[in-house]
Amino acid sequence: MFGEELKNARKTAGMTQEELAAKADLHPTYISLLERNRKSPTLDSLFRICKALGIKASSLIERVEQG
């Protein structure tokens, strides 16, 4: 699921949810909701999150597809 892959990518980057949210200019609660699969990201937020993590959105989506 997307949330698990997002959490793995965030932890690999050595960030807390709060740090990721700040870098992506999103609310920490939103990051938490994404990681718990309570919400799905918009394309805009997906790209902002991936930029903050230093990864391509396509690579994160690919991990979700393979999972």
PDB file of N, CA and C in Angstrom:
ATOM      1  N   MET A   1       0.838  -1.191   0.000  1.00  0.00           N
ATOM      2  CA  MET A   1       0.000   0.000   0.000  1.00  0.00           C
ATOM      3  C   MET A   1       0.881   1.251   0.000  1.00  0.00           C
ATOM      4  N   PHE A   2       0.291   2.339  -0.453  1.00  0.00           N
ATOM      5  CA  PHE A   2       1.036   3.580  -0.571  1.00  0.00           C
ATOM      6  C   PHE A   2       1.614   4.035   0.762  1.00  0.00           C
ATOM      7  N   GLY A   3       0.815   3.986   1.803  1.00  0.00           N
ATOM      8  CA  GLY A   3       1.245   4.476   3.108  1.00  0.00           C
ATOM      9  C   GLY A   3       2.495   3.793   3.625  1.00  0.00           C
ATOM     10  N   GLU A   4       2.558   2.486   3.453  1.00  0.00           N
ATOM     11  CA  GLU A   4       3.731   1.734   3.916  1.00  0.00           C
ATOM     12  C   GLU A   4       4.978   2.155   3.148  1.00  0.00           C
ATOM     13  N   GLU A   5       4.842   2.329   1.847  1.00  0.00           N
ATOM     14  CA  GLU A   5       5.990   2.727   1.032  1.00  0.00           C
ATOM     15  C   GLU A   5       6.425   4.154   1.345  1.00  0.00           C
ATOM     16  N   LEU A   6       5.470   5.021   1.604  1.00  0.00           N
ATOM     17  CA  LEU A   6       5.800   6.387   1.981  1.00  0.00           C
ATOM     18  C   LEU A   6       6.561   6.398   3.310  1.00  0.00           C
ATOM     19  N   LYS A   7       6.075   5.640   4.260  1.00  0.00           N
ATOM     20  CA  LYS A   7       6.737   5.568   5.566  1.00  0.00           C
ATOM     21  C   LYS A   7       8.157   5.023   5.427  1.00  0.00           C
ATOM     22  N   ASN A   8       8.319   3.978   4.622  1.00  0.00           N
ATOM     23  CA  ASN A   8       9.655   3.418   4.393  1.00  0.00           C
ATOM     24  C   ASN A   8      10.584   4.453   3.758  1.00  0.00           C
ATOM     25  N   ALA A   9      10.083   5.176   2.771  1.00  0.00           N
ATOM     26  CA  ALA A   9      10.895   6.189   2.091  1.00  0.00           C
ATOM     27  C   ALA A   9      11.261   7.318   3.053  1.00  0.00           C
ATOM     28  N   ARG A  10      10.326   7.706   3.891  1.00  0.00           N
ATOM     29  CA  ARG A  10      10.592   8.766   4.867  1.00  0.00           C
ATOM     30  C   ARG A  10      11.651   8.338   5.872  1.00  0.00           C
ATOM     31  N   LYS A  11      11.513   7.120   6.373  1.00  0.00           N
ATOM     32  CA  LYS A  11      12.489   6.619   7.346  1.00  0.00           C
ATOM     33  C   LYS A  11      13.867   6.445   6.710  1.00  0.00           C
ATOM     34  N   THR A  12      13.901   5.979   5.456  1.00  0.00           N
ATOM     35  CA  THR A  12      15.167   5.846   4.739  1.00  0.00           C
ATOM     36  C   THR A  12      15.845   7.204   4.598  1.00  0.00           C
ATOM     37  N   ALA A  13      15.048   8.237   4.416  1.00  0.00           N
ATOM     38  CA  ALA A  13      15.577   9.595   4.297  1.00  0.00           C
ATOM     39  C   ALA A  13      15.955  10.173   5.660  1.00  0.00           C
ATOM     40  N   GLY A  14      15.631   9.444   6.724  1.00  0.00           N
ATOM     41  CA  GLY A  14      15.985   9.894   8.067  1.00  0.00           C
ATOM     42  C   GLY A  14      15.169  11.075   8.556  1.00  0.00           C
ATOM     43  N   MET A  15      13.910  11.124   8.140  1.00  0.00           N
ATOM     44  CA  MET A  15      13.045  12.250   8.511  1.00  0.00           C
ATOM     45  C   MET A  15      11.901  11.801   9.407  1.00  0.00           C
ATOM     46  N   THR A  16      11.455  12.728  10.238  1.00  0.00           N
ATOM     47  CA  THR A  16      10.219  12.513  10.987  1.00  0.00           C
ATOM     48  C   THR A  16       9.063  12.973  10.100  1.00  0.00           C
ATOM     49  N   GLN A  17       7.851  12.641  10.507  1.00  0.00           N
ATOM     50  CA  GLN A  17       6.689  13.122   9.759  1.00  0.00           C
ATOM     51  C   GLN A  17       6.658  14.648   9.745  1.00  0.00           C
ATOM     52  N   GLU A  18       7.021  15.246  10.865  1.00  0.00           N
ATOM     53  CA  GLU A  18       7.018  16.704  10.962  1.00  0.00           C
ATOM     54  C   GLU A  18       8.049  17.333  10.024  1.00  0.00           C
ATOM     55  N   GLU A  19       9.227  16.732   9.945  1.00  0.00           N
ATOM     56  CA  GLU A  19      10.266  17.256   9.050  1.00  0.00           C
ATOM     57  C   GLU A  19       9.844  17.131   7.594  1.00  0.00           C
ATOM     58  N   LEU A  20       9.271  15.994   7.239  1.00  0.00           N
ATOM     59  CA  LEU A  20       8.804  15.808   5.863  1.00  0.00           C
ATOM     60  C   LEU A  20       7.705  16.807   5.538  1.00  0.00           C
ATOM     61  N   ALA A  21       6.777  16.961   6.449  1.00  0.00           N
ATOM     62  CA  ALA A  21       5.677  17.905   6.225  1.00  0.00           C
ATOM     63  C   ALA A  21       6.209  19.319   6.009  1.00  0.00           C
ATOM     64  N   ALA A  22       7.169  19.721   6.816  1.00  0.00           N
ATOM     65  CA  ALA A  22       7.733  21.070   6.685  1.00  0.00           C
ATOM     66  C   ALA A  22       8.438  21.245   5.343  1.00  0.00           C
ATOM     67  N   LYS A  23       9.227  20.255   4.943  1.00  0.00           N
ATOM     68  CA  LYS A  23       9.945  20.343   3.659  1.00  0.00           C
ATOM     69  C   LYS A  23       8.999  20.336   2.467  1.00  0.00           C
ATOM     70  N   ALA A  24       7.882  19.621   2.600  1.00  0.00           N
ATOM     71  CA  ALA A  24       6.923  19.515   1.501  1.00  0.00           C
ATOM     72  C   ALA A  24       5.833  20.588   1.581  1.00  0.00           C
ATOM     73  N   ASP A  25       5.898  21.429   2.626  1.00  0.00           N
ATOM     74  CA  ASP A  25       4.896  22.470   2.858  1.00  0.00           C
ATOM     75  C   ASP A  25       3.488  21.875   2.967  1.00  0.00           C
ATOM     76  N   LEU A  26       3.404  20.826   3.773  1.00  0.00           N
ATOM     77  CA  LEU A  26       2.138  20.155   4.040  1.00  0.00           C
ATOM     78  C   LEU A  26       1.952  20.050   5.555  1.00  0.00           C
ATOM     79  N   HIS A  27       0.769  19.707   5.991  1.00  0.00           N
ATOM     80  CA  HIS A  27       0.513  19.577   7.423  1.00  0.00           C
ATOM     81  C   HIS A  27       0.956  18.191   7.898  1.00  0.00           C
ATOM     82  N   PRO A  28       1.576  18.111   9.075  1.00  0.00           N
ATOM     83  CA  PRO A  28       2.007  16.806   9.595  1.00  0.00           C
ATOM     84  C   PRO A  28       0.868  15.795   9.721  1.00  0.00           C
ATOM     85  N   THR A  29      -0.319  16.272  10.030  1.00  0.00           N
ATOM     86  CA  THR A  29      -1.468  15.366  10.125  1.00  0.00           C
ATOM     87  C   THR A  29      -1.756  14.708   8.782  1.00  0.00           C
ATOM     88  N   TYR A  30      -1.574  15.463   7.705  1.00  0.00           N
ATOM     89  CA  TYR A  30      -1.801  14.929   6.360  1.00  0.00           C
ATOM     90  C   TYR A  30      -0.807  13.802   6.068  1.00  0.00           C
ATOM     91  N   ILE A  31       0.454  13.993   6.444  1.00  0.00           N
ATOM     92  CA  ILE A  31       1.466  12.947   6.249  1.00  0.00           C
ATOM     93  C   ILE A  31       1.068  11.701   7.041  1.00  0.00           C
ATOM     94  N   SER A  32       0.624  11.899   8.257  1.00  0.00           N
ATOM     95  CA  SER A  32       0.190  10.783   9.094  1.00  0.00           C
ATOM     96  C   SER A  32      -0.985  10.038   8.453  1.00  0.00           C
ATOM     97  N   LEU A  33      -1.947  10.782   7.939  1.00  0.00           N
ATOM     98  CA  LEU A  33      -3.104  10.157   7.277  1.00  0.00           C
ATOM     99  C   LEU A  33      -2.677   9.361   6.050  1.00  0.00           C
ATOM    100  N   LEU A  34      -1.725   9.888   5.297  1.00  0.00           N
ATOM    101  CA  LEU A  34      -1.222   9.165   4.125  1.00  0.00           C
ATOM    102  C   LEU A  34      -0.535   7.869   4.544  1.00  0.00           C
ATOM    103  N   GLU A  35       0.308   7.955   5.572  1.00  0.00           N
ATOM    104  CA  GLU A  35       1.056   6.776   6.012  1.00  0.00           C
ATOM    105  C   GLU A  35       0.146   5.698   6.592  1.00  0.00           C
ATOM    106  N   ARG A  36      -0.985   6.095   7.117  1.00  0.00           N
ATOM    107  CA  ARG A  36      -1.935   5.127   7.669  1.00  0.00           C
ATOM    108  C   ARG A  36      -2.999   4.721   6.651  1.00  0.00           C
ATOM    109  N   ASN A  37      -2.800   5.123   5.398  1.00  0.00           N
ATOM    110  CA  ASN A  37      -3.724   4.799   4.300  1.00  0.00           C
ATOM    111  C   ASN A  37      -5.147   5.288   4.569  1.00  0.00           C
ATOM    112  N   ARG A  38      -5.266   6.395   5.269  1.00  0.00           N
ATOM    113  CA  ARG A  38      -6.576   6.998   5.533  1.00  0.00           C
ATOM    114  C   ARG A  38      -6.943   7.988   4.443  1.00  0.00           C
ATOM    115  N   LYS A  39      -5.917   8.464   3.717  1.00  0.00           N
ATOM    116  CA  LYS A  39      -6.116   9.377   2.595  1.00  0.00           C
ATOM    117  C   LYS A  39      -5.197   8.956   1.463  1.00  0.00           C
ATOM    118  N   SER A  40      -5.556   9.376   0.274  1.00  0.00           N
ATOM    119  CA  SER A  40      -4.695   9.187  -0.897  1.00  0.00           C
ATOM    120  C   SER A  40      -4.144  10.548  -1.284  1.00  0.00           C
ATOM    121  N   PRO A  41      -2.895  10.600  -1.726  1.00  0.00           N
ATOM    122  CA  PRO A  41      -2.316  11.897  -2.059  1.00  0.00           C
ATOM    123  C   PRO A  41      -2.851  12.446  -3.373  1.00  0.00           C
ATOM    124  N   THR A  42      -2.915  13.763  -3.450  1.00  0.00           N
ATOM    125  CA  THR A  42      -3.175  14.394  -4.738  1.00  0.00           C
ATOM    126  C   THR A  42      -1.865  14.324  -5.523  1.00  0.00           C
ATOM    127  N   LEU A  43      -1.923  14.562  -6.811  1.00  0.00           N
ATOM    128  CA  LEU A  43      -0.692  14.578  -7.599  1.00  0.00           C
ATOM    129  C   LEU A  43       0.247  15.667  -7.100  1.00  0.00           C
ATOM    130  N   ASP A  44      -0.301  16.817  -6.777  1.00  0.00           N
ATOM    131  CA  ASP A  44       0.523  17.913  -6.277  1.00  0.00           C
ATOM    132  C   ASP A  44       1.254  17.511  -5.001  1.00  0.00           C
ATOM    133  N   SER A  45       0.526  16.941  -4.047  1.00  0.00           N
ATOM    134  CA  SER A  45       1.177  16.565  -2.791  1.00  0.00           C
ATOM    135  C   SER A  45       2.159  15.414  -2.993  1.00  0.00           C
ATOM    136  N   LEU A  46       1.855  14.502  -3.894  1.00  0.00           N
ATOM    137  CA  LEU A  46       2.776  13.402  -4.190  1.00  0.00           C
ATOM    138  C   LEU A  46       4.118  13.947  -4.687  1.00  0.00           C
ATOM    139  N   PHE A  47       4.061  14.894  -5.627  1.00  0.00           N
ATOM    140  CA  PHE A  47       5.287  15.473  -6.156  1.00  0.00           C
ATOM    141  C   PHE A  47       6.035  16.284  -5.105  1.00  0.00           C
ATOM    142  N   ARG A  48       5.315  17.005  -4.257  1.00  0.00           N
ATOM    143  CA  ARG A  48       5.960  17.779  -3.190  1.00  0.00           C
ATOM    144  C   ARG A  48       6.655  16.857  -2.194  1.00  0.00           C
ATOM    145  N   ILE A  49       5.983  15.777  -1.824  1.00  0.00           N
ATOM    146  CA  ILE A  49       6.547  14.816  -0.873  1.00  0.00           C
ATOM    147  C   ILE A  49       7.803  14.176  -1.458  1.00  0.00           C
ATOM    148  N   CYS A  50       7.702  13.734  -2.696  1.00  0.00           N
ATOM    149  CA  CYS A  50       8.854  13.069  -3.322  1.00  0.00           C
ATOM    150  C   CYS A  50      10.025  14.015  -3.497  1.00  0.00           C
ATOM    151  N   LYS A  51       9.760  15.255  -3.836  1.00  0.00           N
ATOM    152  CA  LYS A  51      10.836  16.248  -3.944  1.00  0.00           C
ATOM    153  C   LYS A  51      11.506  16.424  -2.589  1.00  0.00           C
ATOM    154  N   ALA A  52      10.701  16.506  -1.530  1.00  0.00           N
ATOM    155  CA  ALA A  52      11.244  16.659  -0.177  1.00  0.00           C
ATOM    156  C   ALA A  52      12.080  15.447   0.230  1.00  0.00           C
ATOM    157  N   LEU A  53      11.678  14.273  -0.234  1.00  0.00           N
ATOM    158  CA  LEU A  53      12.409  13.039   0.076  1.00  0.00           C
ATOM    159  C   LEU A  53      13.612  12.831  -0.837  1.00  0.00           C
ATOM    160  N   GLY A  54      13.665  13.573  -1.928  1.00  0.00           N
ATOM    161  CA  GLY A  54      14.764  13.422  -2.875  1.00  0.00           C
ATOM    162  C   GLY A  54      14.638  12.184  -3.741  1.00  0.00           C
ATOM    163  N   ILE A  55      13.398  11.782  -4.018  1.00  0.00           N
ATOM    164  CA  ILE A  55      13.154  10.622  -4.876  1.00  0.00           C
ATOM    165  C   ILE A  55      12.167  11.000  -5.975  1.00  0.00           C
ATOM    166  N   LYS A  56      12.136  10.197  -7.024  1.00  0.00           N
ATOM    167  CA  LYS A  56      11.170  10.405  -8.093  1.00  0.00           C
ATOM    168  C   LYS A  56       9.823   9.830  -7.685  1.00  0.00           C
ATOM    169  N   ALA A  57       8.761  10.526  -8.059  1.00  0.00           N
ATOM    170  CA  ALA A  57       7.422  10.031  -7.780  1.00  0.00           C
ATOM    171  C   ALA A  57       7.219   8.672  -8.442  1.00  0.00           C
ATOM    172  N   SER A  58       7.768   8.509  -9.626  1.00  0.00           N
ATOM    173  CA  SER A  58       7.595   7.244 -10.343  1.00  0.00           C
ATOM    174  C   SER A  58       8.227   6.079  -9.589  1.00  0.00           C
ATOM    175  N   SER A  59       9.330   6.338  -8.893  1.00  0.00           N
ATOM    176  CA  SER A  59       9.955   5.246  -8.138  1.00  0.00           C
ATOM    177  C   SER A  59       9.117   4.853  -6.936  1.00  0.00           C
ATOM    178  N   LEU A  60       8.483   5.827  -6.299  1.00  0.00           N
ATOM    179  CA  LEU A  60       7.608   5.509  -5.164  1.00  0.00           C
ATOM    180  C   LEU A  60       6.385   4.743  -5.641  1.00  0.00           C
ATOM    181  N   ILE A  61       5.803   5.178  -6.749  1.00  0.00           N
ATOM    182  CA  ILE A  61       4.638   4.483  -7.304  1.00  0.00           C
ATOM    183  C   ILE A  61       5.012   3.072  -7.733  1.00  0.00           C
ATOM    184  N   GLU A  62       6.192   2.910  -8.300  1.00  0.00           N
ATOM    185  CA  GLU A  62       6.642   1.586  -8.725  1.00  0.00           C
ATOM    186  C   GLU A  62       6.729   0.637  -7.518  1.00  0.00           C
ATOM    187  N   ARG A  63       7.224   1.156  -6.389  1.00  0.00           N
ATOM    188  CA  ARG A  63       7.297   0.324  -5.181  1.00  0.00           C
ATOM    189  C   ARG A  63       5.911  -0.110  -4.718  1.00  0.00           C
ATOM    190  N   VAL A  64       4.962   0.800  -4.852  1.00  0.00           N
ATOM    191  CA  VAL A  64       3.577   0.478  -4.469  1.00  0.00           C
ATOM    192  C   VAL A  64       3.039  -0.614  -5.396  1.00  0.00           C
ATOM    193  N   GLU A  65       3.294  -0.480  -6.691  1.00  0.00           N
ATOM    194  CA  GLU A  65       2.814  -1.460  -7.665  1.00  0.00           C
ATOM    195  C   GLU A  65       3.427  -2.836  -7.427  1.00  0.00           C
ATOM    196  N   GLN A  66       4.685  -2.868  -7.020  1.00  0.00           N
ATOM    197  CA  GLN A  66       5.369  -4.151  -6.806  1.00  0.00           C
ATOM    198  C   GLN A  66       4.961  -4.803  -5.493  1.00  0.00           C
ATOM    199  N   GLY A  67       4.530  -3.965  -4.538  1.00  0.00           N
ATOM    200  CA  GLY A  67       4.195  -4.454  -3.208  1.00  0.00           C
ATOM    201  C   GLY A  67       3.047  -5.373  -3.225  1.00  0.00           C
TER     202      GLY A  67
END
